[in-house]
Amino acid sequence: MSLLQAILMGLIQGITEFLPVSSSGHLSLFQIAFGLEE
């Protein structure tokens, strides 16, 4: 995982955890798209 990917995932988590759009769902989609399942 690169620094940029970590920051992007932090942004996704911060936005989607409290806005009702599912943080886990968006993180899963991001991880699958960039091969970060590990």
ModelCIF file with pLDDT and N, C-alpha, C, O atoms, coordinates in Angstrom:
data_MODEL
#
_entry.id   MODEL 
#
_entity.id                         1 
_entity.type                       polymer 
_entity.pdbx_number_of_molecules   1 
#
_entity_poly.entity_id                      1 
_entity_poly.type                           'polypeptide(L)' 
_entity_poly.nstd_linkage                   no 
_entity_poly.nstd_monomer                   no 
_entity_poly.pdbx_seq_one_letter_code       MSLLQAILMGLIQGITEFLPVSSSGHLSLFQIAFGLEE 
_entity_poly.pdbx_seq_one_letter_code_can   MSLLQAILMGLIQGITEFLPVSSSGHLSLFQIAFGLEE 
_entity_poly.pdbx_strand_id                 A 
#
loop_
_entity_poly_seq.entity_id 
_entity_poly_seq.num 
_entity_poly_seq.mon_id 
_entity_poly_seq.hetero 
1 1  MET n 
1 2  SER n 
1 3  LEU n 
1 4  LEU n 
1 5  GLN n 
1 6  ALA n 
1 7  ILE n 
1 8  LEU n 
1 9  MET n 
1 10 GLY n 
1 11 LEU n 
1 12 ILE n 
1 13 GLN n 
1 14 GLY n 
1 15 ILE n 
1 16 THR n 
1 17 GLU n 
1 18 PHE n 
1 19 LEU n 
1 20 PRO n 
1 21 VAL n 
1 22 SER n 
1 23 SER n 
1 24 SER n 
1 25 GLY n 
1 26 HIS n 
1 27 LEU n 
1 28 SER n 
1 29 LEU n 
1 30 PHE n 
1 31 GLN n 
1 32 ILE n 
1 33 ALA n 
1 34 PHE n 
1 35 GLY n 
1 36 LEU n 
1 37 GLU n 
1 38 GLU n 
#
_struct_asym.id          A 
_struct_asym.entity_id   1 
#
loop_
_ma_qa_metric.id 
_ma_qa_metric.mode 
_ma_qa_metric.name 
_ma_qa_metric.software_group_id 
_ma_qa_metric.type 
1 global pLDDT . pLDDT 
2 local  pLDDT . pLDDT 
#
_ma_qa_metric_global.metric_id      1 
_ma_qa_metric_global.metric_value   74.39 
_ma_qa_metric_global.model_id       1 
_ma_qa_metric_global.ordinal_id     1 
#
loop_
_ma_qa_metric_local.label_asym_id 
_ma_qa_metric_local.label_comp_id 
_ma_qa_metric_local.label_seq_id 
_ma_qa_metric_local.metric_id 
_ma_qa_metric_local.metric_value 
_ma_qa_metric_local.model_id 
_ma_qa_metric_local.ordinal_id 
A MET 1  2 70.00 1 1  
A SER 2  2 78.00 1 2  
A LEU 3  2 85.00 1 3  
A LEU 4  2 83.00 1 4  
A GLN 5  2 79.00 1 5  
A ALA 6  2 82.00 1 6  
A ILE 7  2 88.00 1 7  
A LEU 8  2 84.00 1 8  
A MET 9  2 82.00 1 9  
A GLY 10 2 84.00 1 10 
A LEU 11 2 87.00 1 11 
A ILE 12 2 82.00 1 12 
A GLN 13 2 80.00 1 13 
A GLY 14 2 85.00 1 14 
A ILE 15 2 84.00 1 15 
A THR 16 2 78.00 1 16 
A GLU 17 2 77.00 1 17 
A PHE 18 2 79.00 1 18 
A LEU 19 2 82.00 1 19 
A PRO 20 2 81.00 1 20 
A VAL 21 2 79.00 1 21 
A SER 22 2 73.00 1 22 
A SER 23 2 69.00 1 23 
A SER 24 2 67.00 1 24 
A GLY 25 2 68.00 1 25 
A HIS 26 2 70.00 1 26 
A LEU 27 2 67.00 1 27 
A SER 28 2 68.00 1 28 
A LEU 29 2 69.00 1 29 
A PHE 30 2 70.00 1 30 
A GLN 31 2 67.00 1 31 
A ILE 32 2 67.00 1 32 
A ALA 33 2 68.00 1 33 
A PHE 34 2 67.00 1 34 
A GLY 35 2 64.00 1 35 
A LEU 36 2 60.00 1 36 
A GLU 37 2 54.00 1 37 
A GLU 38 2 50.00 1 38 
#
loop_
_atom_site.group_PDB 
_atom_site.id 
_atom_site.type_symbol 
_atom_site.label_atom_id 
_atom_site.label_alt_id 
_atom_site.label_comp_id 
_atom_site.label_asym_id 
_atom_site.label_entity_id 
_atom_site.label_seq_id 
_atom_site.pdbx_PDB_ins_code 
_atom_site.Cartn_x 
_atom_site.Cartn_y 
_atom_site.Cartn_z 
_atom_site.occupancy 
_atom_site.B_iso_or_equiv 
_atom_site.pdbx_formal_charge 
_atom_site.auth_seq_id 
_atom_site.auth_comp_id 
_atom_site.auth_asym_id 
_atom_site.auth_atom_id 
_atom_site.pdbx_PDB_model_num 
ATOM 1   N N  . MET A 1 1  ? 0.849   -1.200 0.000  1.00 70.00 ? 1  MET A N  1 
ATOM 2   C CA . MET A 1 1  ? 0.000   0.000  0.000  1.00 70.00 ? 1  MET A CA 1 
ATOM 3   C C  . MET A 1 1  ? 0.880   1.243  0.000  1.00 70.00 ? 1  MET A C  1 
ATOM 4   O O  . MET A 1 1  ? 1.815   1.353  0.793  1.00 70.00 ? 1  MET A O  1 
ATOM 5   N N  . SER A 1 2  ? 0.573   2.177  -0.894 1.00 78.00 ? 2  SER A N  1 
ATOM 6   C CA . SER A 1 2  ? 1.338   3.420  -0.967 1.00 78.00 ? 2  SER A CA 1 
ATOM 7   C C  . SER A 1 2  ? 0.763   4.457  -0.004 1.00 78.00 ? 2  SER A C  1 
ATOM 8   O O  . SER A 1 2  ? -0.334  4.286  0.527  1.00 78.00 ? 2  SER A O  1 
ATOM 9   N N  . LEU A 1 3  ? 1.521   5.536  0.213  1.00 85.00 ? 3  LEU A N  1 
ATOM 10  C CA . LEU A 1 3  ? 1.056   6.614  1.082  1.00 85.00 ? 3  LEU A CA 1 
ATOM 11  C C  . LEU A 1 3  ? -0.216  7.235  0.526  1.00 85.00 ? 3  LEU A C  1 
ATOM 12  O O  . LEU A 1 3  ? -1.149  7.519  1.278  1.00 85.00 ? 3  LEU A O  1 
ATOM 13  N N  . LEU A 1 4  ? -0.262  7.450  -0.790 1.00 83.00 ? 4  LEU A N  1 
ATOM 14  C CA . LEU A 1 4  ? -1.442  8.051  -1.415 1.00 83.00 ? 4  LEU A CA 1 
ATOM 15  C C  . LEU A 1 4  ? -2.669  7.175  -1.214 1.00 83.00 ? 4  LEU A C  1 
ATOM 16  O O  . LEU A 1 4  ? -3.755  7.679  -0.926 1.00 83.00 ? 4  LEU A O  1 
ATOM 17  N N  . GLN A 1 5  ? -2.500  5.859  -1.366 1.00 79.00 ? 5  GLN A N  1 
ATOM 18  C CA . GLN A 1 5  ? -3.627  4.943  -1.169 1.00 79.00 ? 5  GLN A CA 1 
ATOM 19  C C  . GLN A 1 5  ? -4.110  4.969  0.275  1.00 79.00 ? 5  GLN A C  1 
ATOM 20  O O  . GLN A 1 5  ? -5.313  4.910  0.525  1.00 79.00 ? 5  GLN A O  1 
ATOM 21  N N  . ALA A 1 6  ? -3.183  5.056  1.227  1.00 82.00 ? 6  ALA A N  1 
ATOM 22  C CA . ALA A 1 6  ? -3.562  5.117  2.639  1.00 82.00 ? 6  ALA A CA 1 
ATOM 23  C C  . ALA A 1 6  ? -4.352  6.390  2.935  1.00 82.00 ? 6  ALA A C  1 
ATOM 24  O O  . ALA A 1 6  ? -5.341  6.355  3.668  1.00 82.00 ? 6  ALA A O  1 
ATOM 25  N N  . ILE A 1 7  ? -3.913  7.517  2.362  1.00 88.00 ? 7  ILE A N  1 
ATOM 26  C CA . ILE A 1 7  ? -4.613  8.791  2.560  1.00 88.00 ? 7  ILE A CA 1 
ATOM 27  C C  . ILE A 1 7  ? -6.002  8.742  1.929  1.00 88.00 ? 7  ILE A C  1 
ATOM 28  O O  . ILE A 1 7  ? -6.982  9.192  2.523  1.00 88.00 ? 7  ILE A O  1 
ATOM 29  N N  . LEU A 1 8  ? -6.073  8.192  0.718  1.00 84.00 ? 8  LEU A N  1 
ATOM 30  C CA . LEU A 1 8  ? -7.370  8.078  0.040  1.00 84.00 ? 8  LEU A CA 1 
ATOM 31  C C  . LEU A 1 8  ? -8.335  7.210  0.842  1.00 84.00 ? 8  LEU A C  1 
ATOM 32  O O  . LEU A 1 8  ? -9.520  7.527  0.948  1.00 84.00 ? 8  LEU A O  1 
ATOM 33  N N  . MET A 1 9  ? -7.826  6.115  1.408  1.00 82.00 ? 9  MET A N  1 
ATOM 34  C CA . MET A 1 9  ? -8.681  5.255  2.219  1.00 82.00 ? 9  MET A CA 1 
ATOM 35  C C  . MET A 1 9  ? -9.111  5.958  3.505  1.00 82.00 ? 9  MET A C  1 
ATOM 36  O O  . MET A 1 9  ? -10.226 5.759  3.989  1.00 82.00 ? 9  MET A O  1 
ATOM 37  N N  . GLY A 1 10 ? -8.213  6.785  4.054  1.00 84.00 ? 10 GLY A N  1 
ATOM 38  C CA . GLY A 1 10 ? -8.585  7.583  5.224  1.00 84.00 ? 10 GLY A CA 1 
ATOM 39  C C  . GLY A 1 10 ? -9.675  8.585  4.889  1.00 84.00 ? 10 GLY A C  1 
ATOM 40  O O  . GLY A 1 10 ? -10.596 8.794  5.678  1.00 84.00 ? 10 GLY A O  1 
ATOM 41  N N  . LEU A 1 11 ? -9.573  9.211  3.710  1.00 87.00 ? 11 LEU A N  1 
ATOM 42  C CA . LEU A 1 11 ? -10.606 10.142 3.244  1.00 87.00 ? 11 LEU A CA 1 
ATOM 43  C C  . LEU A 1 11 ? -11.934 9.424  3.058  1.00 87.00 ? 11 LEU A C  1 
ATOM 44  O O  . LEU A 1 11 ? -12.984 9.914  3.474  1.00 87.00 ? 11 LEU A O  1 
ATOM 45  N N  . ILE A 1 12 ? -11.874 8.256  2.428  1.00 82.00 ? 12 ILE A N  1 
ATOM 46  C CA . ILE A 1 12 ? -13.096 7.482  2.191  1.00 82.00 ? 12 ILE A CA 1 
ATOM 47  C C  . ILE A 1 12 ? -13.748 7.105  3.519  1.00 82.00 ? 12 ILE A C  1 
ATOM 48  O O  . ILE A 1 12 ? -14.961 7.230  3.684  1.00 82.00 ? 12 ILE A O  1 
ATOM 49  N N  . GLN A 1 13 ? -12.918 6.637  4.474  1.00 80.00 ? 13 GLN A N  1 
ATOM 50  C CA . GLN A 1 13 ? -13.446 6.247  5.778  1.00 80.00 ? 13 GLN A CA 1 
ATOM 51  C C  . GLN A 1 13 ? -14.066 7.440  6.501  1.00 80.00 ? 13 GLN A C  1 
ATOM 52  O O  . GLN A 1 13 ? -15.178 7.345  7.021  1.00 80.00 ? 13 GLN A O  1 
ATOM 53  N N  . GLY A 1 14 ? -13.351 8.558  6.533  1.00 85.00 ? 14 GLY A N  1 
ATOM 54  C CA . GLY A 1 14 ? -13.848 9.727  7.243  1.00 85.00 ? 14 GLY A CA 1 
ATOM 55  C C  . GLY A 1 14 ? -15.145 10.254 6.666  1.00 85.00 ? 14 GLY A C  1 
ATOM 56  O O  . GLY A 1 14 ? -16.031 10.679 7.407  1.00 85.00 ? 14 GLY A O  1 
ATOM 57  N N  . ILE A 1 15 ? -15.262 10.229 5.341  1.00 84.00 ? 15 ILE A N  1 
ATOM 58  C CA . ILE A 1 15 ? -16.475 10.726 4.685  1.00 84.00 ? 15 ILE A CA 1 
ATOM 59  C C  . ILE A 1 15 ? -17.631 9.745  4.833  1.00 84.00 ? 15 ILE A C  1 
ATOM 60  O O  . ILE A 1 15 ? -18.753 10.138 5.152  1.00 84.00 ? 15 ILE A O  1 
ATOM 61  N N  . THR A 1 16 ? -17.349 8.465  4.600  1.00 78.00 ? 16 THR A N  1 
ATOM 62  C CA . THR A 1 16 ? -18.450 7.486  4.510  1.00 78.00 ? 16 THR A CA 1 
ATOM 63  C C  . THR A 1 16 ? -18.854 6.858  5.835  1.00 78.00 ? 16 THR A C  1 
ATOM 64  O O  . THR A 1 16 ? -19.920 6.248  5.913  1.00 78.00 ? 16 THR A O  1 
ATOM 65  N N  . GLU A 1 17 ? -18.030 6.986  6.892  1.00 77.00 ? 17 GLU A N  1 
ATOM 66  C CA . GLU A 1 17 ? -18.417 6.425  8.187  1.00 77.00 ? 17 GLU A CA 1 
ATOM 67  C C  . GLU A 1 17 ? -19.621 7.163  8.761  1.00 77.00 ? 17 GLU A C  1 
ATOM 68  O O  . GLU A 1 17 ? -20.513 6.543  9.341  1.00 77.00 ? 17 GLU A O  1 
ATOM 69  N N  . PHE A 1 18 ? -19.650 8.471  8.603  1.00 79.00 ? 18 PHE A N  1 
ATOM 70  C CA . PHE A 1 18 ? -20.712 9.260  9.215  1.00 79.00 ? 18 PHE A CA 1 
ATOM 71  C C  . PHE A 1 18 ? -21.784 9.683  8.216  1.00 79.00 ? 18 PHE A C  1 
ATOM 72  O O  . PHE A 1 18 ? -22.953 9.821  8.577  1.00 79.00 ? 18 PHE A O  1 
ATOM 73  N N  . LEU A 1 19 ? -21.394 9.887  6.978  1.00 82.00 ? 19 LEU A N  1 
ATOM 74  C CA . LEU A 1 19 ? -22.414 10.065 5.952  1.00 82.00 ? 19 LEU A CA 1 
ATOM 75  C C  . LEU A 1 19 ? -22.948 8.665  5.636  1.00 82.00 ? 19 LEU A C  1 
ATOM 76  O O  . LEU A 1 19 ? -22.159 7.725  5.539  1.00 82.00 ? 19 LEU A O  1 
ATOM 77  N N  . PRO A 1 20 ? -24.253 8.502  5.475  1.00 81.00 ? 20 PRO A N  1 
ATOM 78  C CA . PRO A 1 20 ? -24.852 7.158  5.431  1.00 81.00 ? 20 PRO A CA 1 
ATOM 79  C C  . PRO A 1 20 ? -24.689 6.436  4.095  1.00 81.00 ? 20 PRO A C  1 
ATOM 80  O O  . PRO A 1 20 ? -25.673 6.127  3.424  1.00 81.00 ? 20 PRO A O  1 
ATOM 81  N N  . VAL A 1 21 ? -23.431 6.167  3.715  1.00 79.00 ? 21 VAL A N  1 
ATOM 82  C CA . VAL A 1 21 ? -23.199 5.500  2.438  1.00 79.00 ? 21 VAL A CA 1 
ATOM 83  C C  . VAL A 1 21 ? -22.297 4.275  2.582  1.00 79.00 ? 21 VAL A C  1 
ATOM 84  O O  . VAL A 1 21 ? -21.848 3.718  1.580  1.00 79.00 ? 21 VAL A O  1 
ATOM 85  N N  . SER A 1 22 ? -22.030 3.854  3.813  1.00 73.00 ? 22 SER A N  1 
ATOM 86  C CA . SER A 1 22 ? -21.266 2.654  4.136  1.00 73.00 ? 22 SER A CA 1 
ATOM 87  C C  . SER A 1 22 ? -19.776 2.788  3.880  1.00 73.00 ? 22 SER A C  1 
ATOM 88  O O  . SER A 1 22 ? -19.314 2.724  2.740  1.00 73.00 ? 22 SER A O  1 
ATOM 89  N N  . SER A 1 23 ? -19.033 2.976  4.965  1.00 69.00 ? 23 SER A N  1 
ATOM 90  C CA . SER A 1 23 ? -17.574 3.051  4.857  1.00 69.00 ? 23 SER A CA 1 
ATOM 91  C C  . SER A 1 23 ? -16.990 1.710  4.440  1.00 69.00 ? 23 SER A C  1 
ATOM 92  O O  . SER A 1 23 ? -16.093 1.663  3.599  1.00 69.00 ? 23 SER A O  1 
ATOM 93  N N  . SER A 1 24 ? -17.489 0.610  5.019  1.00 67.00 ? 24 SER A N  1 
ATOM 94  C CA . SER A 1 24 ? -16.941 -0.712 4.697  1.00 67.00 ? 24 SER A CA 1 
ATOM 95  C C  . SER A 1 24 ? -17.177 -1.056 3.235  1.00 67.00 ? 24 SER A C  1 
ATOM 96  O O  . SER A 1 24 ? -16.318 -1.659 2.592  1.00 67.00 ? 24 SER A O  1 
ATOM 97  N N  . GLY A 1 25 ? -18.349 -0.673 2.701  1.00 68.00 ? 25 GLY A N  1 
ATOM 98  C CA . GLY A 1 25 ? -18.649 -0.952 1.302  1.00 68.00 ? 25 GLY A CA 1 
ATOM 99  C C  . GLY A 1 25 ? -17.716 -0.204 0.370  1.00 68.00 ? 25 GLY A C  1 
ATOM 100 O O  . GLY A 1 25 ? -17.206 -0.781 -0.591 1.00 68.00 ? 25 GLY A O  1 
ATOM 101 N N  . HIS A 1 26 ? -17.485 1.084  0.642  1.00 70.00 ? 26 HIS A N  1 
ATOM 102 C CA . HIS A 1 26 ? -16.607 1.884  -0.212 1.00 70.00 ? 26 HIS A CA 1 
ATOM 103 C C  . HIS A 1 26 ? -15.147 1.452  -0.076 1.00 70.00 ? 26 HIS A C  1 
ATOM 104 O O  . HIS A 1 26 ? -14.405 1.431  -1.058 1.00 70.00 ? 26 HIS A O  1 
ATOM 105 N N  . LEU A 1 27 ? -14.739 1.107  1.147  1.00 67.00 ? 27 LEU A N  1 
ATOM 106 C CA . LEU A 1 27 ? -13.377 0.626  1.336  1.00 67.00 ? 27 LEU A CA 1 
ATOM 107 C C  . LEU A 1 27 ? -13.165 -0.698 0.593  1.00 67.00 ? 27 LEU A C  1 
ATOM 108 O O  . LEU A 1 27 ? -12.106 -0.926 0.008  1.00 67.00 ? 27 LEU A O  1 
ATOM 109 N N  . SER A 1 28 ? -14.174 -1.560 0.622  1.00 68.00 ? 28 SER A N  1 
ATOM 110 C CA . SER A 1 28 ? -14.081 -2.840 -0.090 1.00 68.00 ? 28 SER A CA 1 
ATOM 111 C C  . SER A 1 28 ? -13.939 -2.609 -1.591 1.00 68.00 ? 28 SER A C  1 
ATOM 112 O O  . SER A 1 28 ? -13.112 -3.237 -2.251 1.00 68.00 ? 28 SER A O  1 
ATOM 113 N N  . LEU A 1 29 ? -14.762 -1.696 -2.121 1.00 69.00 ? 29 LEU A N  1 
ATOM 114 C CA . LEU A 1 29 ? -14.695 -1.402 -3.551 1.00 69.00 ? 29 LEU A CA 1 
ATOM 115 C C  . LEU A 1 29 ? -13.322 -0.835 -3.917 1.00 69.00 ? 29 LEU A C  1 
ATOM 116 O O  . LEU A 1 29 ? -12.752 -1.193 -4.948 1.00 69.00 ? 29 LEU A O  1 
ATOM 117 N N  . PHE A 1 30 ? -12.792 0.059  -3.060 1.00 70.00 ? 30 PHE A N  1 
ATOM 118 C CA . PHE A 1 30 ? -11.478 0.661  -3.308 1.00 70.00 ? 30 PHE A CA 1 
ATOM 119 C C  . PHE A 1 30 ? -10.379 -0.399 -3.249 1.00 70.00 ? 30 PHE A C  1 
ATOM 120 O O  . PHE A 1 30 ? -9.483  -0.424 -4.093 1.00 70.00 ? 30 PHE A O  1 
ATOM 121 N N  . GLN A 1 31 ? -10.458 -1.278 -2.240 1.00 67.00 ? 31 GLN A N  1 
ATOM 122 C CA . GLN A 1 31 ? -9.443  -2.320 -2.084 1.00 67.00 ? 31 GLN A CA 1 
ATOM 123 C C  . GLN A 1 31 ? -9.455  -3.290 -3.260 1.00 67.00 ? 31 GLN A C  1 
ATOM 124 O O  . GLN A 1 31 ? -8.403  -3.705 -3.747 1.00 67.00 ? 31 GLN A O  1 
ATOM 125 N N  . ILE A 1 32 ? -10.666 -3.648 -3.714 1.00 67.00 ? 32 ILE A N  1 
ATOM 126 C CA . ILE A 1 32 ? -10.781 -4.558 -4.858 1.00 67.00 ? 32 ILE A CA 1 
ATOM 127 C C  . ILE A 1 32 ? -10.234 -3.890 -6.122 1.00 67.00 ? 32 ILE A C  1 
ATOM 128 O O  . ILE A 1 32 ? -9.511  -4.512 -6.900 1.00 67.00 ? 32 ILE A O  1 
ATOM 129 N N  . ALA A 1 33 ? -10.589 -2.619 -6.315 1.00 68.00 ? 33 ALA A N  1 
ATOM 130 C CA . ALA A 1 33 ? -10.168 -1.899 -7.525 1.00 68.00 ? 33 ALA A CA 1 
ATOM 131 C C  . ALA A 1 33 ? -8.652  -1.759 -7.617 1.00 68.00 ? 33 ALA A C  1 
ATOM 132 O O  . ALA A 1 33 ? -8.087  -1.804 -8.710 1.00 68.00 ? 33 ALA A O  1 
ATOM 133 N N  . PHE A 1 34 ? -7.982  -1.585 -6.453 1.00 67.00 ? 34 PHE A N  1 
ATOM 134 C CA . PHE A 1 34 ? -6.535  -1.367 -6.455 1.00 67.00 ? 34 PHE A CA 1 
ATOM 135 C C  . PHE A 1 34 ? -5.751  -2.572 -5.952 1.00 67.00 ? 34 PHE A C  1 
ATOM 136 O O  . PHE A 1 34 ? -4.548  -2.482 -5.707 1.00 67.00 ? 34 PHE A O  1 
ATOM 137 N N  . GLY A 1 35 ? -6.449  -3.715 -5.798 1.00 64.00 ? 35 GLY A N  1 
ATOM 138 C CA . GLY A 1 35 ? -5.760  -4.932 -5.387 1.00 64.00 ? 35 GLY A CA 1 
ATOM 139 C C  . GLY A 1 35 ? -5.184  -4.863 -3.996 1.00 64.00 ? 35 GLY A C  1 
ATOM 140 O O  . GLY A 1 35 ? -4.075  -5.341 -3.758 1.00 64.00 ? 35 GLY A O  1 
ATOM 141 N N  . LEU A 1 36 ? -5.936  -4.262 -3.049 1.00 60.00 ? 36 LEU A N  1 
ATOM 142 C CA . LEU A 1 36 ? -5.435  -4.090 -1.686 1.00 60.00 ? 36 LEU A CA 1 
ATOM 143 C C  . LEU A 1 36 ? -6.158  -4.986 -0.684 1.00 60.00 ? 36 LEU A C  1 
ATOM 144 O O  . LEU A 1 36 ? -6.245  -4.655 0.499  1.00 60.00 ? 36 LEU A O  1 
ATOM 145 N N  . GLU A 1 37 ? -6.675  -6.119 -1.154 1.00 54.00 ? 37 GLU A N  1 
ATOM 146 C CA . GLU A 1 37 ? -7.419  -6.992 -0.261 1.00 54.00 ? 37 GLU A CA 1 
ATOM 147 C C  . GLU A 1 37 ? -6.573  -7.443 0.938  1.00 54.00 ? 37 GLU A C  1 
ATOM 148 O O  . GLU A 1 37 ? -7.102  -7.753 2.005  1.00 54.00 ? 37 GLU A O  1 
ATOM 149 N N  . GLU A 1 38 ? -5.241  -7.472 0.737  1.00 50.00 ? 38 GLU A N  1 
ATOM 150 C CA . GLU A 1 38 ? -4.382  -7.966 1.808  1.00 50.00 ? 38 GLU A CA 1 
ATOM 151 C C  . GLU A 1 38 ? -4.326  -7.033 3.004  1.00 50.00 ? 38 GLU A C  1 
ATOM 152 O O  . GLU A 1 38 ? -3.638  -7.324 3.983  1.00 50.00 ? 38 GLU A O  1 
#
